[in-house]
Amino acid sequence: MGRETLAVRKDGTTFPIHLAIGHTKLPQDDIFVGLISDISERIMIENSLRHNEEQLKSFIQNIQSVVYRCLILNAAPMHDVGKIGIPDSIIQKQGKQTEEEWPEEMERNQ
């Protein structure tokens, strides 16, 4: 049993501790023992876990938006890959390719 509180270092800075006090009764005396544990690291880890949990909750709540953005971001660089080596006259042409244009393009990309 114990409690969490703050302790003060010699330089005046404070830090979190767990303070536990034990008691024993002897025939002529009462003996008290105090145990102090520095819990700075535990508090830091708990805060980090809490922050990560909040980020995960936010991510889960916004998953559809994130997936959509990922799809767009991943697709954008691939958009122009198929255009490599294809003449602008064919890429910018309105309508279907003629029979003369189609075989020429197929041969170039095989």
PDB file of N, CA and C in Angstrom:
ATOM      1  N   MET A   1       0.840  -1.170   0.000  1.00  0.00           N
ATOM      2  CA  MET A   1       0.000   0.000   0.000  1.00  0.00           C
ATOM      3  C   MET A   1       0.889   1.238   0.000  1.00  0.00           C
ATOM      4  N   GLY A   2       0.441   2.273  -0.606  1.00  0.00           N
ATOM      5  CA  GLY A   2       1.208   3.502  -0.673  1.00  0.00           C
ATOM      6  C   GLY A   2       0.469   4.533  -1.492  1.00  0.00           C
ATOM      7  N   ARG A   3       1.200   5.539  -1.884  1.00  0.00           N
ATOM      8  CA  ARG A   3       0.590   6.570  -2.708  1.00  0.00           C
ATOM      9  C   ARG A   3       1.646   7.208  -3.600  1.00  0.00           C
ATOM     10  N   GLU A   4       1.154   7.864  -4.654  1.00  0.00           N
ATOM     11  CA  GLU A   4       2.044   8.580  -5.557  1.00  0.00           C
ATOM     12  C   GLU A   4       2.016  10.051  -5.192  1.00  0.00           C
ATOM     13  N   THR A   5       3.188  10.648  -5.198  1.00  0.00           N
ATOM     14  CA  THR A   5       3.317  12.063  -4.862  1.00  0.00           C
ATOM     15  C   THR A   5       4.570  12.592  -5.536  1.00  0.00           C
ATOM     16  N   LEU A   6       4.924  13.813  -5.236  1.00  0.00           N
ATOM     17  CA  LEU A   6       6.145  14.412  -5.781  1.00  0.00           C
ATOM     18  C   LEU A   6       7.191  14.535  -4.688  1.00  0.00           C
ATOM     19  N   ALA A   7       8.447  14.352  -5.070  1.00  0.00           N
ATOM     20  CA  ALA A   7       9.571  14.562  -4.157  1.00  0.00           C
ATOM     21  C   ALA A   7      10.424  15.688  -4.732  1.00  0.00           C
ATOM     22  N   VAL A   8      11.278  16.257  -3.890  1.00  0.00           N
ATOM     23  CA  VAL A   8      12.132  17.361  -4.307  1.00  0.00           C
ATOM     24  C   VAL A   8      13.592  16.928  -4.222  1.00  0.00           C
ATOM     25  N   ARG A   9      14.329  17.144  -5.315  1.00  0.00           N
ATOM     26  CA  ARG A   9      15.766  16.852  -5.333  1.00  0.00           C
ATOM     27  C   ARG A   9      16.531  17.993  -4.648  1.00  0.00           C
ATOM     28  N   LYS A  10      17.820  17.758  -4.413  1.00  0.00           N
ATOM     29  CA  LYS A  10      18.657  18.786  -3.791  1.00  0.00           C
ATOM     30  C   LYS A  10      18.685  20.070  -4.610  1.00  0.00           C
ATOM     31  N   ASP A  11      18.611  19.917  -5.947  1.00  0.00           N
ATOM     32  CA  ASP A  11      18.665  21.105  -6.811  1.00  0.00           C
ATOM     33  C   ASP A  11      17.316  21.827  -6.901  1.00  0.00           C
ATOM     34  N   GLY A  12      16.297  21.311  -6.230  1.00  0.00           N
ATOM     35  CA  GLY A  12      14.990  21.975  -6.194  1.00  0.00           C
ATOM     36  C   GLY A  12      13.991  21.453  -7.211  1.00  0.00           C
ATOM     37  N   THR A  13      14.417  20.601  -8.139  1.00  0.00           N
ATOM     38  CA  THR A  13      13.477  20.060  -9.117  1.00  0.00           C
ATOM     39  C   THR A  13      12.640  18.964  -8.473  1.00  0.00           C
ATOM     40  N   THR A  14      11.434  18.797  -8.984  1.00  0.00           N
ATOM     41  CA  THR A  14      10.549  17.764  -8.446  1.00  0.00           C
ATOM     42  C   THR A  14      10.494  16.578  -9.398  1.00  0.00           C
ATOM     43  N   PHE A  15      10.140  15.426  -8.860  1.00  0.00           N
ATOM     44  CA  PHE A  15       9.987  14.214  -9.659  1.00  0.00           C
ATOM     45  C   PHE A  15       8.944  13.325  -8.988  1.00  0.00           C
ATOM     46  N   PRO A  16       8.247  12.516  -9.792  1.00  0.00           N
ATOM     47  CA  PRO A  16       7.188  11.677  -9.233  1.00  0.00           C
ATOM     48  C   PRO A  16       7.776  10.458  -8.509  1.00  0.00           C
ATOM     49  N   ILE A  17       7.149  10.123  -7.376  1.00  0.00           N
ATOM     50  CA  ILE A  17       7.580   8.958  -6.604  1.00  0.00           C
ATOM     51  C   ILE A  17       6.374   8.149  -6.153  1.00  0.00           C
ATOM     52  N   HIS A  18       6.643   6.900  -5.810  1.00  0.00           N
ATOM     53  CA  HIS A  18       5.669   6.080  -5.097  1.00  0.00           C
ATOM     54  C   HIS A  18       6.208   5.964  -3.681  1.00  0.00           C
ATOM     55  N   LEU A  19       5.401   6.323  -2.716  1.00  0.00           N
ATOM     56  CA  LEU A  19       5.803   6.307  -1.307  1.00  0.00           C
ATOM     57  C   LEU A  19       4.993   5.253  -0.569  1.00  0.00           C
ATOM     58  N   ALA A  20       5.711   4.319   0.037  1.00  0.00           N
ATOM     59  CA  ALA A  20       5.053   3.283   0.844  1.00  0.00           C
ATOM     60  C   ALA A  20       5.648   3.343   2.246  1.00  0.00           C
ATOM     61  N   ILE A  21       4.802   3.198   3.235  1.00  0.00           N
ATOM     62  CA  ILE A  21       5.258   3.240   4.631  1.00  0.00           C
ATOM     63  C   ILE A  21       4.828   1.944   5.312  1.00  0.00           C
ATOM     64  N   GLY A  22       5.801   1.312   5.934  1.00  0.00           N
ATOM     65  CA  GLY A  22       5.522   0.093   6.687  1.00  0.00           C
ATOM     66  C   GLY A  22       5.627   0.379   8.179  1.00  0.00           C
ATOM     67  N   HIS A  23       4.886  -0.390   8.992  1.00  0.00           N
ATOM     68  CA  HIS A  23       4.871  -0.182  10.446  1.00  0.00           C
ATOM     69  C   HIS A  23       4.988  -1.520  11.162  1.00  0.00           C
ATOM     70  N   THR A  24       5.809  -1.533  12.148  1.00  0.00           N
ATOM     71  CA  THR A  24       5.938  -2.710  13.009  1.00  0.00           C
ATOM     72  C   THR A  24       5.938  -2.255  14.456  1.00  0.00           C
ATOM     73  N   LYS A  25       5.227  -3.007  15.292  1.00  0.00           N
ATOM     74  CA  LYS A  25       5.166  -2.651  16.712  1.00  0.00           C
ATOM     75  C   LYS A  25       6.016  -3.658  17.494  1.00  0.00           C
ATOM     76  N   LEU A  26       7.022  -3.146  18.180  1.00  0.00           N
ATOM     77  CA  LEU A  26       7.874  -3.958  19.049  1.00  0.00           C
ATOM     78  C   LEU A  26       7.447  -3.724  20.501  1.00  0.00           C
ATOM     79  N   PRO A  27       7.878  -4.596  21.427  1.00  0.00           N
ATOM     80  CA  PRO A  27       7.463  -4.410  22.824  1.00  0.00           C
ATOM     81  C   PRO A  27       7.783  -3.023  23.381  1.00  0.00           C
ATOM     82  N   GLN A  28       8.958  -2.483  23.017  1.00  0.00           N
ATOM     83  CA  GLN A  28       9.309  -1.170  23.579  1.00  0.00           C
ATOM     84  C   GLN A  28       9.172  -0.029  22.579  1.00  0.00           C
ATOM     85  N   ASP A  29       8.916  -0.341  21.299  1.00  0.00           N
ATOM     86  CA  ASP A  29       8.968   0.706  20.278  1.00  0.00           C
ATOM     87  C   ASP A  29       8.017   0.428  19.118  1.00  0.00           C
ATOM     88  N   ASP A  30       7.712   1.478  18.386  1.00  0.00           N
ATOM     89  CA  ASP A  30       7.063   1.381  17.076  1.00  0.00           C
ATOM     90  C   ASP A  30       8.136   1.683  16.036  1.00  0.00           C
ATOM     91  N   ILE A  31       8.191   0.869  14.992  1.00  0.00           N
ATOM     92  CA  ILE A  31       9.164   1.106  13.923  1.00  0.00           C
ATOM     93  C   ILE A  31       8.397   1.378  12.629  1.00  0.00           C
ATOM     94  N   PHE A  32       8.789   2.450  11.991  1.00  0.00           N
ATOM     95  CA  PHE A  32       8.221   2.821  10.686  1.00  0.00           C
ATOM     96  C   PHE A  32       9.328   2.770   9.651  1.00  0.00           C
ATOM     97  N   VAL A  33       8.991   2.229   8.509  1.00  0.00           N
ATOM     98  CA  VAL A  33       9.940   2.159   7.393  1.00  0.00           C
ATOM     99  C   VAL A  33       9.287   2.815   6.185  1.00  0.00           C
ATOM    100  N   GLY A  34      10.004   3.737   5.556  1.00  0.00           N
ATOM    101  CA  GLY A  34       9.508   4.397   4.349  1.00  0.00           C
ATOM    102  C   GLY A  34      10.272   3.901   3.127  1.00  0.00           C
ATOM    103  N   LEU A  35       9.555   3.552   2.094  1.00  0.00           N
ATOM    104  CA  LEU A  35      10.155   3.123   0.831  1.00  0.00           C
ATOM    105  C   LEU A  35       9.758   4.125  -0.250  1.00  0.00           C
ATOM    106  N   ILE A  36      10.759   4.663  -0.917  1.00  0.00           N
ATOM    107  CA  ILE A  36      10.502   5.643  -1.979  1.00  0.00           C
ATOM    108  C   ILE A  36      11.040   5.079  -3.283  1.00  0.00           C
ATOM    109  N   SER A  37      10.188   5.087  -4.309  1.00  0.00           N
ATOM    110  CA  SER A  37      10.595   4.628  -5.643  1.00  0.00           C
ATOM    111  C   SER A  37      10.368   5.755  -6.638  1.00  0.00           C
ATOM    112  N   ASP A  38      11.394   6.065  -7.429  1.00  0.00           N
ATOM    113  CA  ASP A  38      11.277   7.058  -8.490  1.00  0.00           C
ATOM    114  C   ASP A  38      10.462   6.431  -9.624  1.00  0.00           C
ATOM    115  N   ILE A  39       9.332   7.027  -9.964  1.00  0.00           N
ATOM    116  CA  ILE A  39       8.460   6.473 -11.009  1.00  0.00           C
ATOM    117  C   ILE A  39       8.436   7.361 -12.258  1.00  0.00           C
ATOM    118  N   SER A  40       9.480   8.160 -12.436  1.00  0.00           N
ATOM    119  CA  SER A  40       9.554   9.064 -13.601  1.00  0.00           C
ATOM    120  C   SER A  40       9.431   8.291 -14.906  1.00  0.00           C
ATOM    121  N   GLU A  41      10.178   7.198 -15.042  1.00  0.00           N
ATOM    122  CA  GLU A  41      10.159   6.435 -16.289  1.00  0.00           C
ATOM    123  C   GLU A  41       8.783   5.825 -16.527  1.00  0.00           C
ATOM    124  N   ARG A  42       8.171   5.286 -15.473  1.00  0.00           N
ATOM    125  CA  ARG A  42       6.837   4.698 -15.623  1.00  0.00           C
ATOM    126  C   ARG A  42       5.823   5.742 -16.065  1.00  0.00           C
ATOM    127  N   ILE A  43       5.873   6.926 -15.485  1.00  0.00           N
ATOM    128  CA  ILE A  43       4.951   8.010 -15.849  1.00  0.00           C
ATOM    129  C   ILE A  43       5.166   8.400 -17.306  1.00  0.00           C
ATOM    130  N   MET A  44       6.438   8.477 -17.728  1.00  0.00           N
ATOM    131  CA  MET A  44       6.747   8.827 -19.116  1.00  0.00           C
ATOM    132  C   MET A  44       6.185   7.765 -20.074  1.00  0.00           C
ATOM    133  N   ILE A  45       6.341   6.497 -19.739  1.00  0.00           N
ATOM    134  CA  ILE A  45       5.826   5.409 -20.580  1.00  0.00           C
ATOM    135  C   ILE A  45       4.301   5.446 -20.630  1.00  0.00           C
ATOM    136  N   GLU A  46       3.660   5.664 -19.475  1.00  0.00           N
ATOM    137  CA  GLU A  46       2.196   5.753 -19.448  1.00  0.00           C
ATOM    138  C   GLU A  46       1.699   6.900 -20.322  1.00  0.00           C
ATOM    139  N   ASN A  47       2.367   8.045 -20.258  1.00  0.00           N
ATOM    140  CA  ASN A  47       1.969   9.193 -21.079  1.00  0.00           C
ATOM    141  C   ASN A  47       2.145   8.885 -22.561  1.00  0.00           C
ATOM    142  N   SER A  48       3.241   8.218 -22.894  1.00  0.00           N
ATOM    143  CA  SER A  48       3.483   7.837 -24.287  1.00  0.00           C
ATOM    144  C   SER A  48       2.418   6.862 -24.773  1.00  0.00           C
ATOM    145  N   LEU A  49       2.066   5.879 -23.960  1.00  0.00           N
ATOM    146  CA  LEU A  49       1.014   4.928 -24.326  1.00  0.00           C
ATOM    147  C   LEU A  49      -0.324   5.634 -24.511  1.00  0.00           C
ATOM    148  N   ARG A  50      -0.632   6.561 -23.624  1.00  0.00           N
ATOM    149  CA  ARG A  50      -1.875   7.322 -23.719  1.00  0.00           C
ATOM    150  C   ARG A  50      -1.909   8.118 -25.028  1.00  0.00           C
ATOM    151  N   HIS A  51      -0.788   8.752 -25.364  1.00  0.00           N
ATOM    152  CA  HIS A  51      -0.698   9.518 -26.613  1.00  0.00           C
ATOM    153  C   HIS A  51      -0.875   8.600 -27.819  1.00  0.00           C
ATOM    154  N   ASN A  52      -0.209   7.443 -27.812  1.00  0.00           N
ATOM    155  CA  ASN A  52      -0.331   6.497 -28.924  1.00  0.00           C
ATOM    156  C   ASN A  52      -1.754   5.968 -29.055  1.00  0.00           C
ATOM    157  N   GLU A  53      -2.405   5.751 -27.928  1.00  0.00           N
ATOM    158  CA  GLU A  53      -3.791   5.282 -27.956  1.00  0.00           C
ATOM    159  C   GLU A  53      -4.701   6.337 -28.583  1.00  0.00           C
ATOM    160  N   GLU A  54      -4.478   7.599 -28.240  1.00  0.00           N
ATOM    161  CA  GLU A  54      -5.278   8.682 -28.823  1.00  0.00           C
ATOM    162  C   GLU A  54      -5.057   8.759 -30.334  1.00  0.00           C
ATOM    163  N   GLN A  55      -3.800   8.597 -30.768  1.00  0.00           N
ATOM    164  CA  GLN A  55      -3.511   8.610 -32.205  1.00  0.00           C
ATOM    165  C   GLN A  55      -4.201   7.447 -32.907  1.00  0.00           C
ATOM    166  N   LEU A  56      -4.157   6.264 -32.295  1.00  0.00           N
ATOM    167  CA  LEU A  56      -4.792   5.088 -32.891  1.00  0.00           C
ATOM    168  C   LEU A  56      -6.304   5.282 -32.986  1.00  0.00           C
ATOM    169  N   LYS A  57      -6.919   5.811 -31.938  1.00  0.00           N
ATOM    170  CA  LYS A  57      -8.360   6.079 -31.974  1.00  0.00           C
ATOM    171  C   LYS A  57      -8.701   7.055 -33.097  1.00  0.00           C
ATOM    172  N   SER A  58      -7.890   8.094 -33.227  1.00  0.00           N
ATOM    173  CA  SER A  58      -8.113   9.077 -34.292  1.00  0.00           C
ATOM    174  C   SER A  58      -7.958   8.430 -35.659  1.00  0.00           C
ATOM    175  N   PHE A  59      -6.947   7.592 -35.806  1.00  0.00           N
ATOM    176  CA  PHE A  59      -6.723   6.894 -37.076  1.00  0.00           C
ATOM    177  C   PHE A  59      -7.917   6.016 -37.417  1.00  0.00           C
ATOM    178  N   ILE A  60      -8.410   5.259 -36.438  1.00  0.00           N
ATOM    179  CA  ILE A  60      -9.535   4.353 -36.668  1.00  0.00           C
ATOM    180  C   ILE A  60     -10.792   5.147 -37.035  1.00  0.00           C
ATOM    181  N   GLN A  61     -11.008   6.275 -36.371  1.00  0.00           N
ATOM    182  CA  GLN A  61     -12.181   7.092 -36.673  1.00  0.00           C
ATOM    183  C   GLN A  61     -12.105   7.693 -38.079  1.00  0.00           C
ATOM    184  N   ASN A  62     -10.880   7.892 -38.591  1.00  0.00           N
ATOM    185  CA  ASN A  62     -10.706   8.536 -39.892  1.00  0.00           C
ATOM    186  C   ASN A  62     -10.193   7.569 -40.958  1.00  0.00           C
ATOM    187  N   ILE A  63     -10.361   6.273 -40.755  1.00  0.00           N
ATOM    188  CA  ILE A  63      -9.767   5.263 -41.634  1.00  0.00           C
ATOM    189  C   ILE A  63     -10.203   5.421 -43.088  1.00  0.00           C
ATOM    190  N   GLN A  64     -11.460   5.731 -43.334  1.00  0.00           N
ATOM    191  CA  GLN A  64     -11.916   5.869 -44.721  1.00  0.00           C
ATOM    192  C   GLN A  64     -11.185   7.008 -45.410  1.00  0.00           C
ATOM    193  N   SER A  65     -11.034   8.111 -44.735  1.00  0.00           N
ATOM    194  CA  SER A  65     -10.326   9.253 -45.307  1.00  0.00           C
ATOM    195  C   SER A  65      -8.867   8.907 -45.559  1.00  0.00           C
ATOM    196  N   VAL A  66      -8.236   8.201 -44.621  1.00  0.00           N
ATOM    197  CA  VAL A  66      -6.834   7.832 -44.764  1.00  0.00           C
ATOM    198  C   VAL A  66      -6.648   6.883 -45.933  1.00  0.00           C
ATOM    199  N   VAL A  67      -7.511   5.880 -46.044  1.00  0.00           N
ATOM    200  CA  VAL A  67      -7.402   4.915 -47.140  1.00  0.00           C
ATOM    201  C   VAL A  67      -7.562   5.620 -48.468  1.00  0.00           C
ATOM    202  N   TYR A  68      -8.511   6.513 -48.572  1.00  0.00           N
ATOM    203  CA  TYR A  68      -8.743   7.249 -49.812  1.00  0.00           C
ATOM    204  C   TYR A  68      -7.502   8.057 -50.193  1.00  0.00           C
ATOM    205  N   ARG A  69      -6.930   8.775 -49.192  1.00  0.00           N
ATOM    206  CA  ARG A  69      -5.738   9.570 -49.469  1.00  0.00           C
ATOM    207  C   ARG A  69      -4.568   8.684 -49.868  1.00  0.00           C
ATOM    208  N   CYS A  70      -4.424   7.527 -49.220  1.00  0.00           N
ATOM    209  CA  CYS A  70      -3.338   6.609 -49.564  1.00  0.00           C
ATOM    210  C   CYS A  70      -3.494   6.098 -50.991  1.00  0.00           C
ATOM    211  N   LEU A  71      -4.717   5.769 -51.362  1.00  0.00           N
ATOM    212  CA  LEU A  71      -4.948   5.285 -52.717  1.00  0.00           C
ATOM    213  C   LEU A  71      -4.557   6.341 -53.738  1.00  0.00           C
ATOM    214  N   ILE A  72      -4.942   7.572 -53.476  1.00  0.00           N
ATOM    215  CA  ILE A  72      -4.615   8.648 -54.404  1.00  0.00           C
ATOM    216  C   ILE A  72      -3.111   8.894 -54.431  1.00  0.00           C
ATOM    217  N   LEU A  73      -2.481   8.955 -53.247  1.00  0.00           N
ATOM    218  CA  LEU A  73      -1.042   9.220 -53.197  1.00  0.00           C
ATOM    219  C   LEU A  73      -0.245   8.104 -53.842  1.00  0.00           C
ATOM    220  N   ASN A  74      -0.669   6.855 -53.679  1.00  0.00           N
ATOM    221  CA  ASN A  74       0.056   5.738 -54.278  1.00  0.00           C
ATOM    222  C   ASN A  74      -0.214   5.629 -55.774  1.00  0.00           C
ATOM    223  N   ALA A  75      -1.391   6.047 -56.196  1.00  0.00           N
ATOM    224  CA  ALA A  75      -1.729   5.942 -57.617  1.00  0.00           C
ATOM    225  C   ALA A  75      -1.093   7.065 -58.423  1.00  0.00           C
ATOM    226  N   ALA A  76      -0.950   8.232 -57.833  1.00  0.00           N
ATOM    227  CA  ALA A  76      -0.440   9.388 -58.574  1.00  0.00           C
ATOM    228  C   ALA A  76       0.919   9.137 -59.215  1.00  0.00           C
ATOM    229  N   PRO A  77       1.920   8.587 -58.504  1.00  0.00           N
ATOM    230  CA  PRO A  77       3.212   8.363 -59.167  1.00  0.00           C
ATOM    231  C   PRO A  77       3.118   7.358 -60.309  1.00  0.00           C
ATOM    232  N   MET A  78       2.156   6.435 -60.249  1.00  0.00           N
ATOM    233  CA  MET A  78       2.028   5.407 -61.281  1.00  0.00           C
ATOM    234  C   MET A  78       1.265   5.921 -62.500  1.00  0.00           C
ATOM    235  N   HIS A  79       0.644   7.076 -62.371  1.00  0.00           N
ATOM    236  CA  HIS A  79      -0.205   7.606 -63.439  1.00  0.00           C
ATOM    237  C   HIS A  79       0.546   7.745 -64.751  1.00  0.00           C
ATOM    238  N   ASP A  80       1.787   8.226 -64.692  1.00  0.00           N
ATOM    239  CA  ASP A  80       2.539   8.495 -65.918  1.00  0.00           C
ATOM    240  C   ASP A  80       3.420   7.334 -66.367  1.00  0.00           C
ATOM    241  N   VAL A  81       3.502   6.247 -65.600  1.00  0.00           N
ATOM    242  CA  VAL A  81       4.391   5.146 -65.957  1.00  0.00           C
ATOM    243  C   VAL A  81       4.044   4.561 -67.317  1.00  0.00           C
ATOM    244  N   GLY A  82       2.764   4.401 -67.606  1.00  0.00           N
ATOM    245  CA  GLY A  82       2.350   3.821 -68.882  1.00  0.00           C
ATOM    246  C   GLY A  82       2.626   4.715 -70.069  1.00  0.00           C
ATOM    247  N   LYS A  83       2.946   5.975 -69.827  1.00  0.00           N
ATOM    248  CA  LYS A  83       3.172   6.926 -70.916  1.00  0.00           C
ATOM    249  C   LYS A  83       4.628   6.948 -71.380  1.00  0.00           C
ATOM    250  N   ILE A  84       5.510   6.269 -70.684  1.00  0.00           N
ATOM    251  CA  ILE A  84       6.929   6.304 -71.040  1.00  0.00           C
ATOM    252  C   ILE A  84       7.110   5.696 -72.426  1.00  0.00           C
ATOM    253  N   GLY A  85       7.743   6.412 -73.282  1.00  0.00           N
ATOM    254  CA  GLY A  85       8.041   5.924 -74.623  1.00  0.00           C
ATOM    255  C   GLY A  85       6.888   6.019 -75.607  1.00  0.00           C
ATOM    256  N   ILE A  86       5.777   6.571 -75.188  1.00  0.00           N
ATOM    257  CA  ILE A  86       4.635   6.716 -76.102  1.00  0.00           C
ATOM    258  C   ILE A  86       4.648   8.141 -76.628  1.00  0.00           C
ATOM    259  N   PRO A  87       4.625   8.317 -77.911  1.00  0.00           N
ATOM    260  CA  PRO A  87       4.654   9.667 -78.477  1.00  0.00           C
ATOM    261  C   PRO A  87       3.461  10.501 -78.014  1.00  0.00           C
ATOM    262  N   ASP A  88       3.705  11.798 -77.825  1.00  0.00           N
ATOM    263  CA  ASP A  88       2.638  12.713 -77.414  1.00  0.00           C
ATOM    264  C   ASP A  88       1.472  12.704 -78.394  1.00  0.00           C
ATOM    265  N   SER A  89       1.751  12.501 -79.655  1.00  0.00           N
ATOM    266  CA  SER A  89       0.679  12.514 -80.655  1.00  0.00           C
ATOM    267  C   SER A  89      -0.340  11.416 -80.376  1.00  0.00           C
ATOM    268  N   ILE A  90       0.111  10.297 -79.835  1.00  0.00           N
ATOM    269  CA  ILE A  90      -0.815   9.202 -79.516  1.00  0.00           C
ATOM    270  C   ILE A  90      -1.493   9.448 -78.178  1.00  0.00           C
ATOM    271  N   ILE A  91      -0.737   9.922 -77.196  1.00  0.00           N
ATOM    272  CA  ILE A  91      -1.310  10.170 -75.862  1.00  0.00           C
ATOM    273  C   ILE A  91      -2.393  11.234 -75.930  1.00  0.00           C
ATOM    274  N   GLN A  92      -2.170  12.286 -76.674  1.00  0.00           N
ATOM    275  CA  GLN A  92      -3.105  13.407 -76.717  1.00  0.00           C
ATOM    276  C   GLN A  92      -4.193  13.245 -77.767  1.00  0.00           C
ATOM    277  N   LYS A  93      -4.156  12.169 -78.523  1.00  0.00           N
ATOM    278  CA  LYS A  93      -5.127  11.951 -79.594  1.00  0.00           C
ATOM    279  C   LYS A  93      -6.531  11.729 -79.008  1.00  0.00           C
ATOM    280  N   GLN A  94      -7.501  12.357 -79.616  1.00  0.00           N
ATOM    281  CA  GLN A  94      -8.895  12.162 -79.235  1.00  0.00           C
ATOM    282  C   GLN A  94      -9.420  10.941 -79.982  1.00  0.00           C
ATOM    283  N   GLY A  95     -10.120  10.068 -79.307  1.00  0.00           N
ATOM    284  CA  GLY A  95     -10.707   8.900 -79.964  1.00  0.00           C
ATOM    285  C   GLY A  95      -9.737   7.725 -80.020  1.00  0.00           C
ATOM    286  N   LYS A  96     -10.154   6.677 -80.728  1.00  0.00           N
ATOM    287  CA  LYS A  96      -9.385   5.439 -80.820  1.00  0.00           C
ATOM    288  C   LYS A  96      -8.194   5.584 -81.760  1.00  0.00           C
ATOM    289  N   GLN A  97      -7.218   4.713 -81.559  1.00  0.00           N
ATOM    290  CA  GLN A  97      -6.064   4.687 -82.465  1.00  0.00           C
ATOM    291  C   GLN A  97      -6.465   4.026 -83.786  1.00  0.00           C
ATOM    292  N   THR A  98      -5.797   4.453 -84.821  1.00  0.00           N
ATOM    293  CA  THR A  98      -6.039   3.824 -86.120  1.00  0.00           C
ATOM    294  C   THR A  98      -5.276   2.507 -86.167  1.00  0.00           C
ATOM    295  N   GLU A  99      -5.555   1.692 -87.174  1.00  0.00           N
ATOM    296  CA  GLU A  99      -4.846   0.413 -87.312  1.00  0.00           C
ATOM    297  C   GLU A  99      -3.359   0.646 -87.523  1.00  0.00           C
ATOM    298  N   GLU A 100      -2.994   1.741 -88.194  1.00  0.00           N
ATOM    299  CA  GLU A 100      -1.586   2.043 -88.423  1.00  0.00           C
ATOM    300  C   GLU A 100      -0.874   2.402 -87.115  1.00  0.00           C
ATOM    301  N   GLU A 101      -1.552   3.121 -86.218  1.00  0.00           N
ATOM    302  CA  GLU A 101      -0.935   3.541 -84.941  1.00  0.00           C
ATOM    303  C   GLU A 101      -0.845   2.378 -83.956  1.00  0.00           C
ATOM    304  N   TRP A 102      -1.827   1.529 -83.912  1.00  0.00           N
ATOM    305  CA  TRP A 102      -1.881   0.460 -82.906  1.00  0.00           C
ATOM    306  C   TRP A 102      -0.713  -0.518 -83.009  1.00  0.00           C
ATOM    307  N   PRO A 103      -0.454  -1.137 -84.149  1.00  0.00           N
ATOM    308  CA  PRO A 103       0.662  -2.082 -84.212  1.00  0.00           C
ATOM    309  C   PRO A 103       2.003  -1.423 -83.907  1.00  0.00           C
ATOM    310  N   GLU A 104       2.206  -0.186 -84.360  1.00  0.00           N
ATOM    311  CA  GLU A 104       3.454   0.527 -84.091  1.00  0.00           C
ATOM    312  C   GLU A 104       3.681   0.640 -82.575  1.00  0.00           C
ATOM    313  N   GLU A 105       2.629   0.989 -81.854  1.00  0.00           N
ATOM    314  CA  GLU A 105       2.737   1.134 -80.397  1.00  0.00           C
ATOM    315  C   GLU A 105       2.967  -0.203 -79.722  1.00  0.00           C
ATOM    316  N   MET A 106       2.296  -1.227 -80.167  1.00  0.00           N
ATOM    317  CA  MET A 106       2.439  -2.559 -79.562  1.00  0.00           C
ATOM    318  C   MET A 106       3.872  -3.057 -79.739  1.00  0.00           C
ATOM    319  N   GLU A 107       4.454  -2.851 -80.918  1.00  0.00           N
ATOM    320  CA  GLU A 107       5.822  -3.309 -81.168  1.00  0.00           C
ATOM    321  C   GLU A 107       6.815  -2.574 -80.287  1.00  0.00           C
ATOM    322  N   ARG A 108       6.641  -1.285 -80.100  1.00  0.00           N
ATOM    323  CA  ARG A 108       7.557  -0.473 -79.319  1.00  0.00           C
ATOM    324  C   ARG A 108       7.582  -0.895 -77.858  1.00  0.00           C
ATOM    325  N   ASN A 109       6.477  -1.313 -77.294  1.00  0.00           N
ATOM    326  CA  ASN A 109       6.396  -1.614 -75.865  1.00  0.00           C
ATOM    327  C   ASN A 109       6.526  -3.091 -75.532  1.00  0.00           C
ATOM    328  N   GLN A 110       6.842  -3.919 -76.471  1.00  0.00           N
ATOM    329  CA  GLN A 110       7.010  -5.346 -76.159  1.00  0.00           C
ATOM    330  C   GLN A 110       8.435  -5.670 -75.846  1.00  0.00           C
TER     331      GLN A 110
END
